[in-house]
Structure formats: structure tokens, C-alpha cells
N, C-alpha and C. Protein backbone atom coordinates (compact mmCIF):
# COMPACT_ATOMS: atom_id res chain seq x y z
N UNK A 1 17.01 7.30 -1.79
CA UNK A 1 16.44 6.64 -0.65
C UNK A 1 15.04 6.13 -0.99
N UNK A 2 14.79 4.90 -0.60
CA UNK A 2 13.44 4.39 -0.91
C UNK A 2 12.34 5.01 -0.07
N UNK A 3 11.21 4.97 -0.58
CA UNK A 3 10.01 5.62 0.03
C UNK A 3 9.27 4.67 0.92
N UNK A 4 9.17 5.03 2.26
CA UNK A 4 8.51 4.23 3.24
C UNK A 4 6.91 4.24 3.14
N UNK A 5 6.44 5.06 2.18
CA UNK A 5 4.98 5.09 2.00
C UNK A 5 4.49 4.06 0.99
N UNK A 6 5.42 3.40 0.31
CA UNK A 6 5.02 2.43 -0.71
C UNK A 6 5.36 0.99 -0.26
N UNK A 7 4.31 0.19 -0.16
CA UNK A 7 4.47 -1.15 0.32
C UNK A 7 5.47 -2.00 -0.53
N UNK A 8 5.53 -1.70 -1.86
CA UNK A 8 6.38 -2.47 -2.80
C UNK A 8 7.91 -2.28 -2.41
N UNK A 9 8.25 -1.19 -1.70
CA UNK A 9 9.61 -0.90 -1.32
C UNK A 9 10.10 -1.70 -0.11
N UNK A 10 9.12 -2.32 0.63
CA UNK A 10 9.47 -2.92 1.89
C UNK A 10 9.35 -4.41 1.83
N UNK A 11 10.41 -5.14 2.33
CA UNK A 11 10.36 -6.56 2.32
C UNK A 11 10.84 -7.06 3.66
N UNK A 12 10.33 -8.21 4.07
CA UNK A 12 10.75 -8.80 5.30
C UNK A 12 12.23 -9.00 5.34
N UNK A 13 12.88 -8.65 6.42
CA UNK A 13 14.36 -8.74 6.55
C UNK A 13 15.11 -7.52 6.26
N UNK A 14 14.43 -6.48 5.74
CA UNK A 14 15.06 -5.18 5.42
C UNK A 14 15.24 -4.39 6.81
N UNK A 15 16.33 -3.60 6.70
CA UNK A 15 16.64 -2.65 7.88
C UNK A 15 15.95 -1.37 7.68
N UNK A 16 15.11 -1.01 8.64
CA UNK A 16 14.36 0.27 8.51
C UNK A 16 14.31 1.08 9.79
N UNK A 17 13.84 2.25 9.71
CA UNK A 17 13.53 3.15 10.92
C UNK A 17 12.08 3.38 10.92
N UNK A 18 11.44 3.02 12.05
CA UNK A 18 10.00 3.29 12.19
C UNK A 18 9.76 4.26 13.29
N UNK A 19 8.55 4.87 13.27
CA UNK A 19 8.05 5.69 14.36
C UNK A 19 6.96 4.94 15.05
N UNK A 20 7.16 4.62 16.37
CA UNK A 20 6.19 3.96 17.23
C UNK A 20 5.00 4.83 17.45
N UNK A 21 3.87 4.26 17.80
CA UNK A 21 2.61 5.00 18.07
C UNK A 21 2.94 6.08 19.17
N UNK A 22 3.57 5.62 20.23
CA UNK A 22 3.77 6.60 21.32
C UNK A 22 4.78 7.64 21.06
N UNK A 23 5.52 7.51 19.96
CA UNK A 23 6.63 8.45 19.60
C UNK A 23 6.18 9.36 18.48
N UNK A 24 4.95 9.30 17.99
CA UNK A 24 4.51 10.08 16.82
C UNK A 24 4.57 11.62 17.13
N UNK A 25 4.33 11.99 18.40
CA UNK A 25 4.42 13.42 18.74
C UNK A 25 5.84 13.94 18.64
N UNK A 26 6.85 13.12 19.09
CA UNK A 26 8.20 13.52 19.11
C UNK A 26 8.95 13.25 17.83
N UNK A 27 8.42 12.21 17.03
CA UNK A 27 9.13 11.78 15.84
C UNK A 27 10.35 10.96 16.05
N UNK A 28 10.44 10.46 17.28
CA UNK A 28 11.59 9.56 17.64
C UNK A 28 11.58 8.30 16.75
N UNK A 29 12.63 8.00 16.12
CA UNK A 29 12.71 6.79 15.24
C UNK A 29 13.30 5.58 15.95
N UNK A 30 12.82 4.40 15.65
CA UNK A 30 13.31 3.18 16.24
C UNK A 30 13.82 2.30 15.03
N UNK A 31 15.11 1.91 15.14
CA UNK A 31 15.69 1.09 14.11
C UNK A 31 15.39 -0.40 14.34
N UNK A 32 15.28 -1.14 13.18
CA UNK A 32 15.05 -2.61 13.38
C UNK A 32 14.91 -3.24 12.02
N UNK A 33 14.69 -4.52 12.14
CA UNK A 33 14.54 -5.43 10.93
C UNK A 33 13.07 -5.80 10.76
N UNK A 34 12.54 -5.63 9.55
CA UNK A 34 11.16 -5.93 9.23
C UNK A 34 10.89 -7.45 9.45
N UNK A 35 9.88 -7.71 10.21
CA UNK A 35 9.40 -9.09 10.38
C UNK A 35 8.15 -9.34 9.56
N UNK A 36 7.11 -8.48 9.76
CA UNK A 36 5.81 -8.58 9.01
C UNK A 36 5.46 -7.20 8.52
N UNK A 37 4.79 -7.19 7.31
CA UNK A 37 4.20 -5.94 6.77
C UNK A 37 2.71 -6.00 7.13
N UNK A 38 2.25 -5.00 7.87
CA UNK A 38 0.86 -5.05 8.41
C UNK A 38 -0.08 -4.24 7.56
N UNK A 39 0.38 -3.25 6.81
CA UNK A 39 -0.51 -2.43 5.88
C UNK A 39 -0.89 -3.31 4.68
N UNK A 40 -2.16 -3.36 4.39
CA UNK A 40 -2.61 -4.16 3.23
C UNK A 40 -2.60 -3.40 1.97
N UNK A 41 -2.83 -2.07 2.07
CA UNK A 41 -2.88 -1.20 0.81
C UNK A 41 -1.51 -1.00 0.27
N UNK A 42 -1.42 -0.64 -1.02
CA UNK A 42 -0.16 -0.48 -1.72
C UNK A 42 0.64 0.76 -1.22
N UNK A 43 -0.13 1.81 -0.73
CA UNK A 43 0.57 2.93 -0.26
C UNK A 43 -0.13 3.45 1.08
N UNK A 44 0.56 4.26 1.82
CA UNK A 44 -0.07 4.91 3.00
C UNK A 44 0.69 6.17 3.22
N UNK A 45 -0.04 7.26 3.37
CA UNK A 45 0.61 8.68 3.34
C UNK A 45 1.55 8.76 4.60
N UNK A 46 1.32 8.08 5.72
CA UNK A 46 2.12 8.27 6.92
C UNK A 46 3.15 7.19 7.03
N UNK A 47 3.24 6.26 6.02
CA UNK A 47 4.24 5.21 6.12
C UNK A 47 3.55 3.77 6.28
N UNK A 48 4.15 2.83 5.71
CA UNK A 48 3.58 1.41 5.82
C UNK A 48 3.79 0.92 7.19
N UNK A 49 2.77 0.30 7.75
CA UNK A 49 2.93 -0.18 9.12
C UNK A 49 3.54 -1.56 9.06
N UNK A 50 4.61 -1.77 9.93
CA UNK A 50 5.29 -3.08 9.96
C UNK A 50 5.55 -3.49 11.40
N UNK A 51 5.75 -4.77 11.52
CA UNK A 51 6.20 -5.37 12.81
C UNK A 51 7.67 -5.65 12.66
N UNK A 52 8.50 -5.21 13.68
CA UNK A 52 9.90 -5.57 13.63
C UNK A 52 10.22 -6.83 14.25
N UNK A 53 11.42 -7.42 14.12
CA UNK A 53 11.83 -8.67 14.75
C UNK A 53 11.71 -8.52 16.30
N UNK A 54 11.83 -7.29 16.76
CA UNK A 54 11.72 -7.00 18.22
C UNK A 54 10.29 -6.98 18.71
N UNK A 55 9.33 -7.24 17.75
CA UNK A 55 7.87 -7.20 17.99
C UNK A 55 7.28 -5.82 18.08
N UNK A 56 8.12 -4.75 17.89
CA UNK A 56 7.64 -3.43 17.93
C UNK A 56 6.84 -3.12 16.63
N UNK A 57 5.79 -2.32 16.74
CA UNK A 57 4.97 -2.00 15.60
C UNK A 57 4.99 -0.53 15.34
N UNK A 58 5.25 -0.16 14.06
CA UNK A 58 5.20 1.30 13.75
C UNK A 58 5.15 1.54 12.33
N UNK A 59 5.25 2.77 11.88
CA UNK A 59 5.25 3.08 10.47
C UNK A 59 6.60 3.48 9.92
N UNK A 60 6.92 2.91 8.81
CA UNK A 60 8.25 3.07 8.22
C UNK A 60 8.46 4.58 7.78
N UNK A 61 9.57 5.08 8.25
CA UNK A 61 9.98 6.46 7.96
C UNK A 61 11.25 6.48 7.10
N UNK A 62 12.13 5.48 7.31
CA UNK A 62 13.36 5.41 6.52
C UNK A 62 13.65 3.99 6.19
N UNK A 63 14.22 3.75 5.05
CA UNK A 63 14.71 2.42 4.62
C UNK A 63 16.17 2.46 4.35
N UNK A 64 16.96 1.57 4.94
CA UNK A 64 18.37 1.57 4.75
C UNK A 64 18.87 0.59 3.74
């Protein structure tokens, strides 16, 4: 399984599961397709921040 903390593993159009800001306490994941990659750095310990096609923003936890 690809690592959601590395920016190089994530491309626009990929299917991912993210955790939304309001769901960080519960760990609830939201599935979607990557629209934009918002994190500028190569890695992030909590996951790369992306915007989905649905316009939701969160950090990548799983890559499908």
C-alpha cells in the first residue's frame, strides 16, 4: 500500500481516503478522487493535504 505521507505517491485523479478536519478526533475516513494537492512539502507526518473532486479538504490516510 502506498504511503499517504509522501507527496510523490499522490497524483491528481487517484482514488484515496482522507480524514477531514472535523473528523480527526473520530478518524472517520472520506473516500474520493484527488483534485488538487495542497501540501507543498515532500512529506507530512499526518498525511498530505489534498482537495477532492467533491471540494472536501483533508489529509490522505489511504491510497487505493
